[in-house]
């Protein structure tokens, strides 16, 4: 949810890219999911197929071994074999040879009854001979004969594994420790390896028959490391008592699909491992095609991003930056490098707007200059007659007094400096130092007029800036006229300045007794809304409006109650 709100405030470029990815990524994810699910399904189907093949071949081995075990007693109870084994050398040579040929014939029939029988034998210790299906002149191998006896095999399985050879044997008598003879069938491990190889070798795999209790095994392959991993898997499944199923073996950075099946007759696990790449080759092709499709999607995304940036994002950013410059009063037209598309139209419309704004601003600026000069002339016209009358009246009084001639002389100088500033300086802006000097001249003239009745403290520090003409002296004049001139007691006037937050403040404070808090609040409101007043402006309102015309709406005059008890007027000027 937060990301959605974030996109709402982000750029159009991000929104378009987010929409493109929102459409592309689910499609790629769905394709990948289908590929993986298809691979899992085919892997499961192939695993079941291989497991069924393993079942078939293991069942074939079980059937052959069971058939041999069931028919073996028929050969053990052969009368000719019993007579030869019991009489031995007592039988004449002709008769013994005849009977042995019959025994060989029956052993040969047994050998040829199954492709898994390598040789059929009869071990006869009395004559120290081993009768084979095709030979009699073989001496009895005592070690082999002892290995073939019943006490050498488990009760649960009919097999004897001796020197990498596999036998099914039966002795007579069955319970006697030293039997008269032993009939044995040697199974063909080569044929069994061929059978195992038919399961998985044609796919690059390997099949092994593991008898984990007796420690013998028949392997169709030659990879010993893979053989050990398969054996480890068989031990794990035996410990878990799992008879059949399939699993995965990781070997040499490859995945091997491994199926296993337990045979209770052989007391063994048949395990087959086949590389997945051999059985899932088509899926690997599809997976490779999927990744190529992903790469193509990334290329399309980059291609789309490139043209989106070039055809939409950059022109849009160019237009946005131009609007931002316009907000900062930099009215610069856009270079039109596009003619017929929508951005070309927007650029032309923007340039037309800039041209119109420049014209309006120039006209408005000229009107403001005219208004400012008109306000200043109006103020000068209001000041001159009234103040001139007062000055001449004071000057006449000083001349009549014999002991005030020096003061009259000084007063004449002040009058000359005052009216020289008023009449000769026609510039709209003057240095602050000149404005302060004019205000001091006015204060000195009023000090001569009022004498010791008004105490003045003038503590204004000058700055190297230019200000509109006549912004301080009219405020001081208001203090004399409305607050200090009619006081019975001693009047106080304090003019001082401060620098704060890149602004210059001049404070004019008095201890007048006649203004109330309501009147101060009403005056402050008149100053605040002075730009909306259509009435004629004089004195403080005149100064306030001219300062705003010069510096902006956040500058001008504010009023409040002074610490001296009267009115405090604050003039806020910009240092820039």
Protein backbone atom coordinates (compact mmCIF):
# COMPACT_ATOMS: atom_id res chain seq x y z
CA UNK A 1 0.00 0.00 0.00
CA UNK A 2 2.83 2.38 0.84
CA UNK A 3 4.43 1.69 -2.54
CA UNK A 4 1.15 2.64 -4.26
CA UNK A 5 1.06 5.95 -2.40
CA UNK A 6 4.72 6.42 -3.25
CA UNK A 7 3.98 5.94 -6.95
CA UNK A 8 1.18 8.48 -6.74
CA UNK A 9 3.73 11.16 -5.85
CA UNK A 10 6.46 9.90 -8.19
CA UNK A 11 7.26 11.00 -11.71
CA UNK A 12 5.37 9.89 -14.82
CA UNK A 13 8.46 7.98 -15.96
CA UNK A 14 8.41 5.83 -12.80
CA UNK A 15 4.71 5.22 -13.17
CA UNK A 16 5.09 4.08 -16.79
CA UNK A 17 8.02 1.81 -15.91
CA UNK A 18 6.11 0.41 -12.93
CA UNK A 19 3.11 -0.31 -15.16
CA UNK A 20 5.35 -1.99 -17.76
CA UNK A 21 7.02 -4.16 -15.11
CA UNK A 22 3.64 -4.93 -13.54
CA UNK A 23 2.56 -6.37 -16.88
CA UNK A 24 5.84 -8.09 -17.77
CA UNK A 25 6.93 -9.66 -14.48
CA UNK A 26 3.71 -11.64 -13.80
CA UNK A 27 3.87 -13.02 -17.35
CA UNK A 28 7.47 -14.12 -16.83
CA UNK A 29 6.66 -15.54 -13.40
CA UNK A 30 3.69 -17.47 -14.83
CA UNK A 31 5.86 -18.85 -17.65
CA UNK A 32 8.54 -19.87 -15.19
CA UNK A 33 5.96 -21.51 -12.92
CA UNK A 34 4.49 -23.47 -15.84
CA UNK A 35 7.96 -24.61 -16.88
CA UNK A 36 8.84 -25.72 -13.35
CA UNK A 37 5.54 -27.48 -12.79
CA UNK A 38 5.88 -29.20 -16.17
CA UNK A 39 9.40 -30.26 -15.28
CA UNK A 40 8.25 -31.62 -11.93
CA UNK A 41 5.38 -33.49 -13.56
CA UNK A 42 7.56 -35.02 -16.28
CA UNK A 43 10.25 -35.82 -13.71
CA UNK A 44 7.64 -37.63 -11.64
CA UNK A 45 6.29 -39.49 -14.68
CA UNK A 46 9.77 -40.53 -15.83
CA UNK A 47 10.69 -41.53 -12.27
CA UNK A 48 7.61 -43.75 -12.10
CA UNK A 49 8.50 -45.20 -15.51
CA UNK A 50 12.05 -46.01 -14.44
CA UNK A 51 10.75 -47.41 -11.16
CA UNK A 52 8.35 -49.65 -13.08
CA UNK A 53 11.25 -50.78 -15.29
CA UNK A 54 13.27 -51.56 -12.17
CA UNK A 55 10.34 -53.49 -10.75
CA UNK A 56 10.07 -55.49 -13.98
CA UNK A 57 13.73 -56.51 -14.12
CA UNK A 58 13.93 -57.18 -10.38
CA UNK A 59 10.78 -59.28 -10.58
CA UNK A 60 12.40 -61.18 -13.47
CA UNK A 61 15.46 -61.89 -11.33
CA UNK A 62 13.20 -62.89 -8.45
CA UNK A 63 11.26 -65.29 -10.65
CA UNK A 64 14.40 -66.86 -12.07
CA UNK A 65 16.01 -67.27 -8.66
CA UNK A 66 12.79 -68.65 -7.20
CA UNK A 67 12.35 -71.08 -10.10
CA UNK A 68 15.93 -72.32 -9.75
CA UNK A 69 15.50 -72.71 -5.97
CA UNK A 70 12.26 -74.69 -6.44
CA UNK A 71 13.68 -77.02 -9.12
CA UNK A 72 17.00 -77.59 -7.42
CA UNK A 73 15.63 -80.29 -5.03
CA UNK A 74 14.67 -82.40 -8.07
CA UNK A 75 18.32 -82.58 -9.06
CA UNK A 76 19.52 -83.14 -5.52
CA UNK A 77 17.37 -86.27 -5.21
CA UNK A 78 18.77 -87.79 -8.40
CA UNK A 79 19.32 -91.59 -7.91
CA UNK A 80 22.44 -91.77 -10.08
CA UNK A 81 24.04 -88.98 -8.11
CA UNK A 82 23.16 -90.68 -4.83
CA UNK A 83 24.71 -94.01 -5.96
CA UNK A 84 27.92 -92.41 -7.24
CA UNK A 85 28.26 -90.27 -4.09
CA UNK A 86 27.52 -93.25 -1.80
CA UNK A 87 29.55 -96.08 -3.45
CA UNK A 88 32.39 -94.11 -4.87
CA UNK A 89 35.24 -96.31 -6.10
CA UNK A 90 33.31 -99.52 -5.25
CA UNK A 91 31.32 -99.07 -8.45
CA UNK A 92 33.03 -100.35 -11.61
CA UNK A 93 34.40 -97.78 -13.97
CA UNK A 94 31.96 -98.43 -16.76
CA UNK A 95 28.90 -98.12 -14.63
CA UNK A 96 30.23 -95.05 -12.82
CA UNK A 97 31.08 -93.35 -16.10
CA UNK A 98 27.66 -94.13 -17.48
CA UNK A 99 25.92 -92.69 -14.46
CA UNK A 100 28.16 -89.59 -14.44
CA UNK A 101 27.25 -88.94 -18.07
CA UNK A 102 23.58 -89.09 -17.10
CA UNK A 103 24.31 -86.65 -14.25
CA UNK A 104 26.12 -84.31 -16.64
CA UNK A 105 23.21 -84.48 -19.03
CA UNK A 106 20.77 -83.45 -16.32
CA UNK A 107 23.15 -80.69 -15.11
CA UNK A 108 23.33 -79.42 -18.66
CA UNK A 109 19.55 -79.37 -18.85
CA UNK A 110 19.55 -77.32 -15.66
CA UNK A 111 22.18 -74.93 -17.02
CA UNK A 112 20.28 -74.37 -20.24
CA UNK A 113 16.97 -73.85 -18.44
CA UNK A 114 17.84 -70.24 -17.62
CA UNK A 115 20.07 -67.58 -19.18
CA UNK A 116 21.07 -66.52 -15.67
CA UNK A 117 22.78 -69.85 -14.93
CA UNK A 118 26.46 -69.79 -15.75
CA UNK A 119 27.22 -73.35 -14.60
CA UNK A 120 25.54 -76.29 -12.82
CA UNK A 121 27.77 -78.42 -10.55
CA UNK A 122 27.71 -81.42 -8.29
CA UNK A 123 30.40 -81.62 -5.56
CA UNK A 124 31.13 -85.26 -4.61
CA UNK A 125 33.72 -85.47 -1.81
CA UNK A 126 33.92 -89.33 -1.76
CA UNK A 127 35.43 -89.45 -5.25
CA UNK A 128 37.01 -85.96 -4.79
CA UNK A 129 35.46 -84.78 -7.99
CA UNK A 130 33.26 -81.90 -9.13
CA UNK A 131 30.89 -82.90 -11.89
CA UNK A 132 30.16 -80.01 -14.28
CA UNK A 133 27.52 -79.86 -16.98
CA UNK A 134 30.16 -80.47 -19.62
CA UNK A 135 33.14 -81.98 -17.76
CA UNK A 136 34.00 -84.61 -15.20
CA UNK A 137 37.75 -84.53 -15.07
CA UNK A 138 37.80 -81.76 -12.41
CA UNK A 139 39.20 -82.20 -8.99
CA UNK A 140 37.22 -81.16 -5.97
CA UNK A 141 38.11 -77.63 -4.81
CA UNK A 142 37.88 -78.16 -1.06
CA UNK A 143 37.61 -74.41 -0.27
CA UNK A 144 34.83 -73.94 -2.79
CA UNK A 145 33.06 -77.12 -1.60
CA UNK A 146 33.06 -75.94 2.01
CA UNK A 147 31.77 -72.49 0.95
CA UNK A 148 28.81 -74.12 -0.84
CA UNK A 149 27.46 -75.90 2.24
CA UNK A 150 24.19 -74.80 3.85
CA UNK A 151 25.74 -73.36 7.00
CA UNK A 152 27.48 -70.70 4.88
CA UNK A 153 24.28 -68.90 3.85
CA UNK A 154 21.56 -67.02 5.66
CA UNK A 155 18.28 -68.73 6.44
CA UNK A 156 16.38 -65.82 4.85
CA UNK A 157 18.06 -66.03 1.45
CA UNK A 158 19.09 -68.88 -0.85
CA UNK A 159 22.28 -67.28 -2.18
CA UNK A 160 25.94 -67.76 -1.42
CA UNK A 161 28.38 -65.05 -2.54
CA UNK A 162 31.94 -66.34 -2.77
CA UNK A 163 34.89 -64.62 -4.47
CA UNK A 164 32.71 -62.33 -6.59
CA UNK A 165 30.62 -65.30 -7.67
CA UNK A 166 26.98 -65.97 -6.80
CA UNK A 167 25.63 -69.47 -6.11
CA UNK A 168 22.39 -71.26 -5.23
CA UNK A 169 23.21 -74.60 -3.59
CA UNK A 170 21.55 -77.56 -1.85
CA UNK A 171 23.23 -80.46 -0.08
CA UNK A 172 22.29 -84.04 0.73
CA UNK A 173 21.53 -84.85 3.43
CA UNK A 174 20.28 -81.32 4.14
CA UNK A 175 20.88 -81.32 7.90
CA UNK A 176 24.17 -83.17 8.00
CA UNK A 177 27.37 -81.23 8.59
CA UNK A 178 29.40 -83.41 6.21
CA UNK A 179 27.03 -84.11 3.32
CA UNK A 180 27.45 -86.83 0.69
CA UNK A 181 27.32 -84.26 -2.08
CA UNK A 182 26.27 -80.67 -2.86
CA UNK A 183 24.43 -79.56 -5.98
CA UNK A 184 25.04 -75.93 -6.87
CA UNK A 185 24.11 -73.45 -9.55
CA UNK A 186 26.50 -70.60 -10.27
CA UNK A 187 24.53 -67.57 -11.43
CA UNK A 188 25.87 -65.54 -14.32
CA UNK A 189 26.86 -62.12 -12.85
CA UNK A 190 27.66 -61.01 -16.37
CA UNK A 191 24.11 -61.72 -17.47
CA UNK A 192 22.81 -59.94 -14.38
CA UNK A 193 24.98 -56.91 -15.18
CA UNK A 194 23.53 -56.92 -18.70
CA UNK A 195 20.04 -56.94 -17.20
CA UNK A 196 20.92 -54.08 -14.87
CA UNK A 197 22.49 -52.16 -17.74
CA UNK A 198 19.22 -52.32 -19.69
CA UNK A 199 17.56 -50.14 -17.04
CA UNK A 200 19.67 -47.02 -17.21
CA UNK A 201 23.01 -47.44 -18.99
CA UNK A 202 21.57 -46.42 -22.35
CA UNK A 203 20.77 -43.04 -20.74
CA UNK A 204 24.18 -42.55 -19.21
CA UNK A 205 23.10 -44.02 -15.88
CA UNK A 206 24.21 -46.82 -13.62
CA UNK A 207 22.36 -49.67 -11.83
CA UNK A 208 23.58 -51.62 -8.81
CA UNK A 209 22.18 -54.56 -6.84
CA UNK A 210 23.22 -54.07 -3.17
CA UNK A 211 23.07 -56.81 -0.52
CA UNK A 212 23.80 -54.60 2.45
CA UNK A 213 23.89 -57.37 5.10
CA UNK A 214 26.29 -59.75 3.29
CA UNK A 215 28.19 -56.87 1.67
CA UNK A 216 28.05 -58.08 -1.92
CA UNK A 217 26.94 -56.03 -4.89
CA UNK A 218 26.58 -56.30 -8.66
CA UNK A 219 27.23 -53.10 -10.60
CA UNK A 220 26.43 -52.33 -14.24
CA UNK A 221 28.71 -49.27 -14.37
CA UNK A 222 32.23 -48.21 -13.51
CA UNK A 223 31.83 -44.85 -11.71
CA UNK A 224 33.03 -45.63 -8.20
CA UNK A 225 32.14 -42.23 -6.69
CA UNK A 226 28.58 -42.44 -7.95
CA UNK A 227 28.52 -46.07 -6.78
CA UNK A 228 29.33 -44.96 -3.21
CA UNK A 229 26.61 -42.29 -3.27
CA UNK A 230 24.08 -44.86 -4.44
CA UNK A 231 25.19 -47.22 -1.70
CA UNK A 232 24.82 -44.45 0.88
CA UNK A 233 21.30 -43.83 -0.39
CA UNK A 234 20.49 -47.56 -0.06
CA UNK A 235 21.68 -47.54 3.56
CA UNK A 236 19.49 -44.48 4.26
CA UNK A 237 16.43 -46.14 2.77
CA UNK A 238 17.13 -49.38 4.67
CA UNK A 239 17.41 -47.40 7.93
CA UNK A 240 14.14 -45.67 7.10
CA UNK A 241 12.52 -48.98 6.12
CA UNK A 242 11.55 -47.61 2.70
CA UNK A 243 11.16 -50.39 0.13
CA UNK A 244 10.80 -48.38 -3.07
CA UNK A 245 10.66 -44.86 -4.43
CA UNK A 246 12.89 -42.25 -6.04
CA UNK A 247 15.20 -39.51 -4.87
CA UNK A 248 17.84 -37.12 -6.20
CA UNK A 249 21.63 -37.47 -5.93
CA UNK A 250 23.90 -34.46 -6.55
CA UNK A 251 27.16 -35.52 -8.11
CA UNK A 252 29.75 -33.41 -9.98
CA UNK A 253 27.41 -30.43 -10.21
CA UNK A 254 24.74 -32.60 -11.78
CA UNK A 255 21.42 -33.94 -10.56
CA UNK A 256 20.88 -37.70 -10.83
CA UNK A 257 17.39 -39.10 -10.71
CA UNK A 258 17.70 -42.20 -8.52
CA UNK A 259 15.08 -44.95 -8.15
CA UNK A 260 15.35 -47.83 -5.71
CA UNK A 261 13.48 -51.10 -5.13
CA UNK A 262 13.95 -53.70 -2.37
CA UNK A 263 13.73 -57.45 -3.02
CA UNK A 264 13.00 -59.65 -0.04
CA UNK A 265 14.14 -62.76 -1.97
CA UNK A 266 17.56 -61.30 -2.71
CA UNK A 267 17.55 -59.31 0.56
CA UNK A 268 18.95 -56.53 -1.64
CA UNK A 269 18.23 -53.05 -2.99
CA UNK A 270 18.32 -52.44 -6.71
CA UNK A 271 19.33 -48.78 -7.21
CA UNK A 272 19.43 -46.94 -10.55
CA UNK A 273 20.82 -43.42 -11.07
CA UNK A 274 20.35 -41.53 -14.34
CA UNK A 275 21.45 -37.93 -15.08
CA UNK A 276 18.41 -35.68 -15.20
CA UNK A 277 19.80 -33.92 -18.24
CA UNK A 278 19.51 -37.22 -20.15
CA UNK A 279 15.88 -37.82 -19.26
CA UNK A 280 14.77 -34.18 -19.09
CA UNK A 281 16.67 -33.05 -22.14
CA UNK A 282 13.63 -31.49 -23.82
CA UNK A 283 12.74 -29.68 -20.63
CA UNK A 284 16.25 -28.30 -20.41
CA UNK A 285 15.77 -26.95 -23.91
CA UNK A 286 12.55 -25.29 -22.82
CA UNK A 287 14.25 -23.95 -19.74
CA UNK A 288 17.04 -22.55 -21.88
CA UNK A 289 14.41 -21.02 -24.16
CA UNK A 290 12.74 -19.53 -21.09
CA UNK A 291 15.97 -17.86 -19.99
CA UNK A 292 16.50 -16.63 -23.54
CA UNK A 293 12.98 -15.23 -23.37
CA UNK A 294 13.88 -13.56 -20.07
CA UNK A 295 16.98 -12.07 -21.68
CA UNK A 296 14.84 -10.91 -24.60
CA UNK A 297 12.37 -9.38 -22.13
CA UNK A 298 15.21 -7.55 -20.41
CA UNK A 299 16.42 -6.31 -23.79
CA UNK A 300 12.91 -5.17 -24.68
CA UNK A 301 12.65 -3.49 -21.29
CA UNK A 302 15.95 -1.66 -21.83
CA UNK A 303 14.97 -0.80 -25.42
CA UNK A 304 11.60 0.47 -24.22
CA UNK A 305 13.29 2.42 -21.41
CA UNK A 306 15.78 4.00 -23.80
CA UNK A 307 13.11 5.25 -26.18
CA UNK A 308 10.85 6.22 -23.29
CA UNK A 309 13.65 8.34 -21.84
CA UNK A 310 14.55 9.80 -25.20
CA UNK A 311 11.06 10.44 -26.58
CA UNK A 312 9.05 11.22 -23.43
CA UNK A 313 11.09 11.52 -20.23
CA UNK A 314 13.77 13.95 -21.42
CA UNK A 315 11.32 16.31 -23.20
CA UNK A 316 9.05 16.17 -20.16
CA UNK A 317 11.91 16.91 -17.76
CA UNK A 318 12.98 19.74 -20.03
CA UNK A 319 9.49 21.21 -19.80
CA UNK A 320 9.31 20.69 -16.01
CA UNK A 321 12.67 22.38 -15.48
CA UNK A 322 11.53 25.30 -17.58
CA UNK A 323 8.44 25.66 -15.40
CA UNK A 324 10.63 25.52 -12.28
CA UNK A 325 12.82 28.27 -13.69
CA UNK A 326 9.66 30.23 -14.39
CA UNK A 327 8.67 29.83 -10.72
CA UNK A 328 12.05 31.35 -9.84
CA UNK A 329 11.29 34.29 -12.16
CA UNK A 330 13.70 33.08 -14.85
CA UNK A 331 11.59 33.53 -17.95
CA UNK A 332 13.68 31.69 -20.50
CA UNK A 333 12.08 30.14 -23.63
CA UNK A 334 12.61 26.49 -24.54
CA UNK A 335 14.66 25.60 -27.58
CA UNK A 336 12.18 23.82 -29.82
CA UNK A 337 13.81 20.70 -31.29
CA UNK A 338 10.51 18.89 -31.94
CA UNK A 339 8.09 20.14 -34.52
CA UNK A 340 5.06 17.94 -35.05
CA UNK A 341 4.48 15.93 -31.91
CA UNK A 342 2.67 16.91 -28.69
CA UNK A 343 5.85 18.11 -26.98
CA UNK A 344 6.50 20.47 -29.88
CA UNK A 345 3.06 21.97 -29.29
CA UNK A 346 3.72 22.22 -25.52
CA UNK A 347 7.10 23.87 -26.09
CA UNK A 348 5.57 26.44 -28.44
CA UNK A 349 2.72 27.10 -25.99
CA UNK A 350 5.23 27.50 -23.16
CA UNK A 351 7.31 29.96 -25.17
CA UNK A 352 4.16 31.94 -26.02
CA UNK A 353 3.26 31.98 -22.33
CA UNK A 354 6.75 33.17 -21.39
CA UNK A 355 6.53 35.93 -23.97
CA UNK A 356 3.15 37.03 -22.65
CA UNK A 357 4.37 36.91 -19.05
CA UNK A 358 7.40 39.00 -19.92
CA UNK A 359 5.16 41.60 -21.51
CA UNK A 360 2.79 41.62 -18.53
CA UNK A 361 5.65 41.78 -16.02
CA UNK A 362 7.27 44.66 -17.86
CA UNK A 363 3.99 46.52 -17.96
CA UNK A 364 3.30 45.75 -14.30
CA UNK A 365 6.80 46.77 -13.28
CA UNK A 366 6.54 50.04 -15.10
CA UNK A 367 3.17 50.62 -13.45
CA UNK A 368 4.67 49.87 -10.03
CA UNK A 369 7.48 52.32 -10.67
CA UNK A 370 4.98 54.95 -11.68
CA UNK A 371 2.87 54.22 -8.60
CA UNK A 372 5.91 54.38 -6.33
CA UNK A 373 6.97 57.73 -7.72
CA UNK A 374 3.43 59.01 -7.49
CA UNK A 375 3.24 57.93 -3.84
CA UNK A 376 6.55 59.64 -3.10
CA UNK A 377 5.50 62.87 -4.81
CA UNK A 378 2.21 62.75 -2.93
CA UNK A 379 4.11 62.39 0.35
CA UNK A 380 6.43 65.24 -0.55
CA UNK A 381 3.50 67.46 -1.46
CA UNK A 382 1.90 66.63 1.90
CA UNK A 383 5.06 67.33 3.87
CA UNK A 384 6.24 70.55 2.31
CA UNK A 385 3.44 73.14 3.12
CA UNK A 386 2.76 71.95 6.66
CA UNK A 387 6.32 71.61 7.79
CA UNK A 388 7.47 74.78 6.06
CA UNK A 389 4.96 76.84 8.03
CA UNK A 390 6.14 75.36 11.35
CA UNK A 391 9.79 75.96 10.51
CA UNK A 392 9.30 79.64 9.69
CA UNK A 393 7.28 80.16 12.84
CA UNK A 394 10.08 78.67 15.00
CA UNK A 395 12.74 80.61 13.12
CA UNK A 396 10.95 83.94 13.74
CA UNK A 397 10.75 83.15 17.43
CA UNK A 398 14.47 82.41 17.62
CA UNK A 399 15.47 85.56 15.74
CA UNK A 400 13.47 87.78 18.09
CA UNK A 401 15.38 86.43 21.06
CA UNK A 402 18.79 88.07 21.56
CA UNK A 403 20.37 85.00 23.21
CA UNK A 404 19.06 82.49 20.58
CA UNK A 405 20.81 83.85 17.50
CA UNK A 406 23.36 81.01 17.33
CA UNK A 407 20.56 78.49 17.60
CA UNK A 408 18.65 80.40 14.91
CA UNK A 409 21.69 80.15 12.69
CA UNK A 410 21.96 76.40 13.29
CA UNK A 411 18.24 76.02 12.68
CA UNK A 412 18.58 77.78 9.33
CA UNK A 413 21.28 75.26 8.33
CA UNK A 414 19.01 72.37 9.30
CA UNK A 415 16.14 73.84 7.28
CA UNK A 416 18.40 74.19 4.26
CA UNK A 417 19.69 70.60 4.55
CA UNK A 418 16.16 69.32 5.06
CA UNK A 419 14.60 71.00 2.04
CA UNK A 420 17.68 70.30 -0.06
CA UNK A 421 17.09 66.55 0.54
CA UNK A 422 13.37 66.91 -0.14
CA UNK A 423 13.62 68.92 -3.35
CA UNK A 424 16.87 67.92 -5.05
CA UNK A 425 16.97 64.14 -4.75
CA UNK A 426 14.69 62.61 -7.35
CA UNK A 427 16.11 59.06 -7.22
CA UNK A 428 13.69 56.39 -6.08
CA UNK A 429 16.38 54.60 -3.98
CA UNK A 430 19.16 56.21 -1.95
CA UNK A 431 21.88 54.86 0.37
CA UNK A 432 20.65 54.05 3.87
CA UNK A 433 23.30 56.34 5.33
CA UNK A 434 21.77 59.34 3.49
CA UNK A 435 18.27 58.44 4.75
CA UNK A 436 19.57 58.21 8.32
CA UNK A 437 21.37 61.54 8.00
CA UNK A 438 18.18 63.22 6.82
CA UNK A 439 16.28 61.70 9.77
CA UNK A 440 18.92 62.99 12.23
CA UNK A 441 18.59 66.46 10.71
CA UNK A 442 14.85 66.31 11.28
CA UNK A 443 15.33 65.15 14.89
CA UNK A 444 17.79 68.03 15.54
CA UNK A 445 15.27 70.54 14.17
CA UNK A 446 12.56 69.12 16.45
CA UNK A 447 14.94 69.21 19.40
CA UNK A 448 15.36 72.99 18.82
CA UNK A 449 11.60 73.34 18.60
CA UNK A 450 10.72 71.36 21.73
CA UNK A 451 13.86 71.92 23.78
CA UNK A 452 14.19 69.70 26.84
CA UNK A 453 10.57 68.54 26.74
CA UNK A 454 11.52 65.55 24.55
CA UNK A 455 14.51 63.28 25.08
CA UNK A 456 15.79 61.59 21.93
CA UNK A 457 18.10 58.50 21.69
CA UNK A 458 19.16 57.83 18.08
CA UNK A 459 21.11 54.48 17.91
CA UNK A 460 20.72 53.31 14.33
CA UNK A 461 23.69 51.47 12.77
CA UNK A 462 24.00 52.06 9.05
CA UNK A 463 24.32 49.28 6.45
CA UNK A 464 25.67 49.32 2.90
CA UNK A 465 22.27 49.05 1.26
CA UNK A 466 19.94 51.27 -0.72
CA UNK A 467 16.42 51.98 0.49
CA UNK A 468 13.40 53.93 -0.83
CA UNK A 469 13.51 57.65 -0.02
CA UNK A 470 11.66 59.06 3.01
CA UNK A 471 10.88 55.86 4.92
CA UNK A 472 12.19 56.80 8.39
CA UNK A 473 11.63 60.57 8.80
CA UNK A 474 7.80 60.38 8.22
CA UNK A 475 7.52 57.73 10.99
CA UNK A 476 9.53 59.93 13.38
CA UNK A 477 7.34 62.88 12.40
CA UNK A 478 4.22 60.85 13.33
CA UNK A 479 5.71 60.22 16.78
CA UNK A 480 6.23 63.96 17.35
CA UNK A 481 2.85 64.88 15.90
CA UNK A 482 0.55 62.36 17.59
CA UNK A 483 2.42 61.14 20.68
CA UNK A 484 5.09 63.53 21.96
CA UNK A 485 4.00 67.03 20.89
CA UNK A 486 1.05 67.35 23.26
CA UNK A 487 2.51 65.57 26.29
CA UNK A 488 2.53 67.39 29.62
CA UNK A 489 5.47 65.44 30.96
CA UNK A 490 8.82 64.60 29.39
CA UNK A 491 8.57 62.77 26.11
CA UNK A 492 10.94 59.95 25.09
CA UNK A 493 11.88 58.91 21.57
CA UNK A 494 14.13 55.90 20.93
CA UNK A 495 15.29 55.06 17.40
CA UNK A 496 17.47 51.91 17.09
CA UNK A 497 18.16 49.00 14.73
CA UNK A 498 18.81 45.22 14.64
CA UNK A 499 20.02 42.58 12.15
CA UNK A 500 18.10 39.31 12.19
CA UNK A 501 17.70 36.46 9.64
CA UNK A 502 19.02 38.38 6.62
CA UNK A 503 16.70 41.31 7.38
CA UNK A 504 17.34 44.81 8.72
CA UNK A 505 14.94 46.21 11.33
CA UNK A 506 14.57 49.89 12.43
CA UNK A 507 12.58 50.46 15.63
CA UNK A 508 10.88 53.81 16.40
CA UNK A 509 9.49 53.82 19.95
CA UNK A 510 7.89 56.54 22.09
CA UNK A 511 6.23 56.91 25.46
CA UNK A 512 3.06 58.55 24.21
CA UNK A 513 0.04 58.36 26.52
CA UNK A 514 -2.85 58.82 24.13
CA UNK A 515 -2.96 55.66 21.94
CA UNK A 516 -4.89 52.62 23.18
CA UNK A 517 -4.34 48.91 22.50
CA UNK A 518 -7.43 48.80 20.29
CA UNK A 519 -6.13 51.69 18.23
CA UNK A 520 -2.75 49.94 17.86
CA UNK A 521 -4.48 46.72 16.70
CA UNK A 522 -6.65 48.67 14.24
CA UNK A 523 -3.58 50.48 12.86
CA UNK A 524 -1.72 47.18 12.44
CA UNK A 525 -4.68 45.75 10.50
CA UNK A 526 -4.78 48.82 8.25
CA UNK A 527 -1.09 48.31 7.52
CA UNK A 528 -1.59 44.58 6.85
CA UNK A 529 -4.44 45.16 4.39
CA UNK A 530 -3.14 48.44 2.98
CA UNK A 531 -2.71 47.00 -0.52
CA UNK A 532 -6.47 46.43 -0.71
CA UNK A 533 -7.38 49.98 0.40
CA UNK A 534 -8.31 52.44 -2.31
CA UNK A 535 -8.34 55.49 0.00
CA UNK A 536 -5.69 58.17 -0.13
CA UNK A 537 -2.63 57.13 1.82
CA UNK A 538 -0.57 59.43 4.00
CA UNK A 539 2.36 59.13 6.40
CA UNK A 540 2.89 55.61 7.74
CA UNK A 541 0.64 53.89 5.19
CA UNK A 542 2.46 55.68 2.41
CA UNK A 543 5.85 54.43 3.64
CA UNK A 544 4.50 50.92 4.22
CA UNK A 545 3.15 50.59 0.69
CA UNK A 546 6.33 51.89 -0.92
CA UNK A 547 8.47 49.41 1.07
CA UNK A 548 6.24 46.56 -0.08
CA UNK A 549 6.44 47.72 -3.66
CA UNK A 550 10.21 47.73 -3.34
CA UNK A 551 10.89 44.49 -1.41
CA UNK A 552 7.74 42.36 -1.41
CA UNK A 553 4.80 41.45 0.79
CA UNK A 554 6.86 40.13 3.73
CA UNK A 555 8.50 43.51 4.30
CA UNK A 556 7.08 46.85 5.47
CA UNK A 557 5.88 48.30 8.79
CA UNK A 558 4.29 46.59 11.79
CA UNK A 559 3.15 48.26 15.02
CA UNK A 560 2.83 47.11 18.61
CA UNK A 561 2.99 48.40 22.18
CA UNK A 562 6.42 49.80 23.05
CA UNK A 563 8.40 48.99 26.19
CA UNK A 564 8.39 52.78 26.80
CA UNK A 565 4.61 52.69 27.04
CA UNK A 566 3.64 54.24 23.75
CA UNK A 567 3.74 53.03 20.15
CA UNK A 568 6.48 50.90 18.60
CA UNK A 569 6.79 51.01 14.80
CA UNK A 570 9.11 48.45 13.20
CA UNK A 571 10.42 48.94 9.67
CA UNK A 572 11.59 45.66 8.06
CA UNK A 573 13.98 46.01 5.12
CA UNK A 574 15.81 43.45 3.00
CA UNK A 575 19.59 43.32 2.99
CA UNK A 576 19.71 42.08 -0.61
